[in-house]
Amino acid sequence: MPKLLSTVFSCAMLLAATAHAQQVGEVGVDWLGNDIIVDAVSDPGVEGVTCHVSYFERGLIDRLQKGDWFEDPSDSSISCRQTGPITIGDIDLSEGGEEIFNQGISLIWKQRVVNRIYDRKNDTLIYLSHSRQVQDGSAKMSITTVPLFGQKVVWKNGRPE
């Protein structure tokens, strides 16, 4: 039972640490009701960095025509920029980085995900947008970087060596 409680607590902390998206744009692309949505996502571990993620959202007519009611395409695009003074908190510095945002794009399993990776050698934050699927994964991804070189960056836990 203690292991179950620990797992539930860890999952709750992971959810609390992920960013939330705020829709900032919506562009209608056809008469079927399909749209391109643009969301702003602030990195919860790095103050002063905002990512804009765009993705395709299918309309009702498109869903009726194709019969695939409960899933949106995996395609997405990402661009992250410095939008204020950069303060870096307790972030994962491993090669795999950490997931900072996820959003369901199907009824059950498929998710749009943004991961942050710190490139020590080049002093750069890398943001990768991709989809997570239970079967076959997805090769559809987009990447952007925020260079820290020459910037006044505050590391709350000290600059990594």
Protein backbone atom coordinates (compact mmCIF):
# COMPACT_ATOMS: atom_id res chain seq x y z
CA MET A 1 0.00 0.00 0.00
CA PRO A 2 2.79 2.56 0.75
CA LYS A 3 4.24 1.95 -2.75
CA LEU A 4 0.81 2.70 -4.30
CA LEU A 5 0.54 5.93 -2.30
CA SER A 6 4.05 6.89 -3.38
CA THR A 7 3.17 6.27 -7.04
CA VAL A 8 -0.05 8.31 -6.78
CA PHE A 9 1.84 11.16 -5.09
CA SER A 10 4.57 11.08 -7.77
CA CYS A 11 1.96 11.24 -10.54
CA ALA A 12 0.23 14.16 -8.83
CA MET A 13 3.56 16.02 -8.54
CA LEU A 14 4.32 15.39 -12.23
CA LEU A 15 0.95 16.81 -13.20
CA ALA A 16 1.50 19.80 -10.96
CA ALA A 17 4.88 20.46 -12.57
CA THR A 18 3.63 20.48 -16.15
CA ALA A 19 2.67 23.71 -17.86
CA HIS A 20 -0.79 24.70 -18.97
CA ALA A 21 -1.52 26.08 -22.42
CA GLN A 22 -3.35 29.31 -23.13
CA GLN A 23 -4.91 29.59 -26.57
CA VAL A 24 -3.68 32.79 -28.25
CA GLY A 25 -4.74 32.17 -31.85
CA GLU A 26 -7.17 30.25 -34.03
CA VAL A 27 -7.06 30.26 -37.83
CA GLY A 28 -9.86 28.69 -39.86
CA VAL A 29 -8.37 26.75 -42.77
CA ASP A 30 -11.44 25.53 -44.68
CA TRP A 31 -15.22 25.43 -44.74
CA LEU A 32 -15.25 22.04 -42.95
CA GLY A 33 -14.51 23.71 -39.62
CA ASN A 34 -10.89 22.60 -39.41
CA ASP A 35 -8.67 25.05 -37.56
CA ILE A 36 -5.05 25.67 -36.69
CA ILE A 37 -4.75 26.49 -33.00
CA VAL A 38 -1.83 28.41 -31.47
CA ASP A 39 -1.21 27.97 -27.74
CA ALA A 40 1.25 29.79 -25.47
CA VAL A 41 3.01 27.51 -22.98
CA SER A 42 5.22 28.96 -20.23
CA ASP A 43 7.98 26.62 -19.06
CA PRO A 44 7.21 25.84 -15.39
CA GLY A 45 10.90 25.26 -14.60
CA VAL A 46 12.33 28.20 -16.50
CA GLU A 47 10.89 31.65 -15.89
CA GLY A 48 11.18 33.98 -18.85
CA VAL A 49 10.72 31.39 -21.62
CA THR A 50 7.45 30.99 -23.53
CA CYS A 51 6.77 28.39 -26.20
CA HIS A 52 4.14 28.75 -28.89
CA VAL A 53 2.77 25.43 -30.11
CA SER A 54 0.56 25.22 -33.19
CA TYR A 55 -1.53 22.22 -34.14
CA PHE A 56 -4.44 21.13 -36.32
CA GLU A 57 -7.88 20.69 -34.77
CA ARG A 58 -10.44 18.80 -36.86
CA GLY A 59 -13.95 20.16 -37.25
CA LEU A 60 -17.22 18.23 -36.91
CA ILE A 61 -17.78 17.85 -40.68
CA ASP A 62 -14.27 16.43 -41.15
CA ARG A 63 -14.87 13.98 -38.30
CA LEU A 64 -18.19 12.89 -39.87
CA GLN A 65 -16.63 12.43 -43.31
CA LYS A 66 -13.66 10.37 -42.13
CA GLY A 67 -15.42 8.46 -39.35
CA ASP A 68 -12.50 9.00 -36.97
CA TRP A 69 -14.38 10.86 -34.25
CA PHE A 70 -11.99 10.88 -31.34
CA GLU A 71 -8.55 11.79 -32.63
CA ASP A 72 -6.72 14.83 -33.97
CA PRO A 73 -3.58 14.62 -36.17
CA SER A 74 -0.15 14.32 -34.54
CA ASP A 75 1.32 17.27 -36.45
CA SER A 76 2.53 20.20 -34.38
CA SER A 77 5.04 23.00 -34.59
CA ILE A 78 6.88 24.76 -31.77
CA SER A 79 8.81 27.98 -31.33
CA CYS A 80 10.23 29.09 -27.95
CA ARG A 81 11.73 32.48 -27.11
CA GLN A 82 12.96 34.47 -24.18
CA THR A 83 10.03 36.63 -23.04
CA GLY A 84 11.52 38.01 -19.83
CA PRO A 85 14.50 37.63 -17.49
CA ILE A 86 15.52 33.96 -17.41
CA THR A 87 15.55 32.21 -14.04
CA ILE A 88 16.14 28.46 -14.11
CA GLY A 89 14.81 26.42 -11.22
CA ASP A 90 15.25 22.75 -10.41
CA ILE A 91 15.25 21.25 -13.90
CA ASP A 92 16.22 17.80 -15.11
CA LEU A 93 19.72 18.09 -16.61
CA SER A 94 19.86 14.52 -17.93
CA GLU A 95 20.11 13.69 -21.63
CA GLY A 96 16.41 12.75 -21.70
CA GLY A 97 15.36 16.06 -20.18
CA GLU A 98 11.84 16.39 -18.86
CA GLU A 99 8.30 16.70 -20.07
CA ILE A 100 6.96 20.19 -19.42
CA PHE A 101 3.60 19.95 -21.19
CA ASN A 102 1.17 17.32 -22.43
CA GLN A 103 -2.25 17.51 -24.01
CA GLY A 104 -4.61 14.70 -24.98
CA ILE A 105 -5.36 14.53 -28.72
CA SER A 106 -7.44 11.38 -28.74
CA LEU A 107 -10.12 9.86 -26.56
CA ILE A 108 -7.71 7.76 -24.52
CA TRP A 109 -3.98 7.44 -25.25
CA LYS A 110 -2.56 9.81 -27.84
CA GLN A 111 -0.89 12.95 -26.45
CA ARG A 112 0.91 16.03 -27.76
CA VAL A 113 4.02 16.48 -25.60
CA VAL A 114 6.73 19.13 -25.13
CA ASN A 115 10.05 18.06 -23.60
CA ARG A 116 12.86 20.37 -22.45
CA ILE A 117 16.48 19.23 -22.71
CA TYR A 118 19.50 21.21 -21.52
CA ASP A 119 22.51 21.10 -23.88
CA ARG A 120 25.40 21.80 -21.47
CA LYS A 121 28.12 22.02 -24.10
CA ASN A 122 26.29 24.69 -26.09
CA ASP A 123 24.55 26.32 -23.09
CA THR A 124 21.17 25.98 -24.79
CA LEU A 125 17.66 24.91 -23.84
CA ILE A 126 16.11 22.59 -26.43
CA TYR A 127 12.34 22.18 -26.70
CA LEU A 128 10.93 19.19 -28.60
CA SER A 129 7.26 18.90 -29.55
CA HIS A 130 6.06 15.42 -30.51
CA SER A 131 3.16 13.05 -30.09
CA ARG A 132 3.02 10.02 -27.85
CA GLN A 133 1.04 7.07 -29.14
CA VAL A 134 0.58 3.62 -27.69
CA GLN A 135 1.11 1.88 -31.04
CA ASP A 136 3.75 2.80 -33.63
CA GLY A 137 4.84 5.98 -31.85
CA SER A 138 5.07 9.01 -34.07
CA ALA A 139 7.87 10.43 -36.17
CA LYS A 140 6.13 13.80 -36.40
CA MET A 141 8.08 16.27 -34.32
CA SER A 142 9.29 19.85 -34.18
CA ILE A 143 12.27 21.36 -32.36
CA THR A 144 13.35 24.82 -31.23
CA THR A 145 16.10 26.20 -29.02
CA VAL A 146 16.67 29.05 -26.59
CA PRO A 147 20.41 29.89 -26.43
CA LEU A 148 21.63 30.98 -23.00
CA PHE A 149 25.13 32.05 -24.11
CA GLY A 150 25.70 35.73 -23.38
CA GLN A 151 22.38 36.05 -21.53
CA LYS A 152 22.03 37.07 -17.90
CA VAL A 153 20.66 33.80 -16.52
CA VAL A 154 19.92 33.13 -12.86
CA TRP A 155 20.30 29.48 -11.81
CA LYS A 156 18.43 28.98 -8.51
CA ASN A 157 20.51 25.88 -7.68
CA GLY A 158 23.76 27.16 -9.15
CA ARG A 159 24.97 26.87 -12.72
CA PRO A 160 25.70 23.24 -13.70
CA GLU A 161 29.32 22.37 -14.42
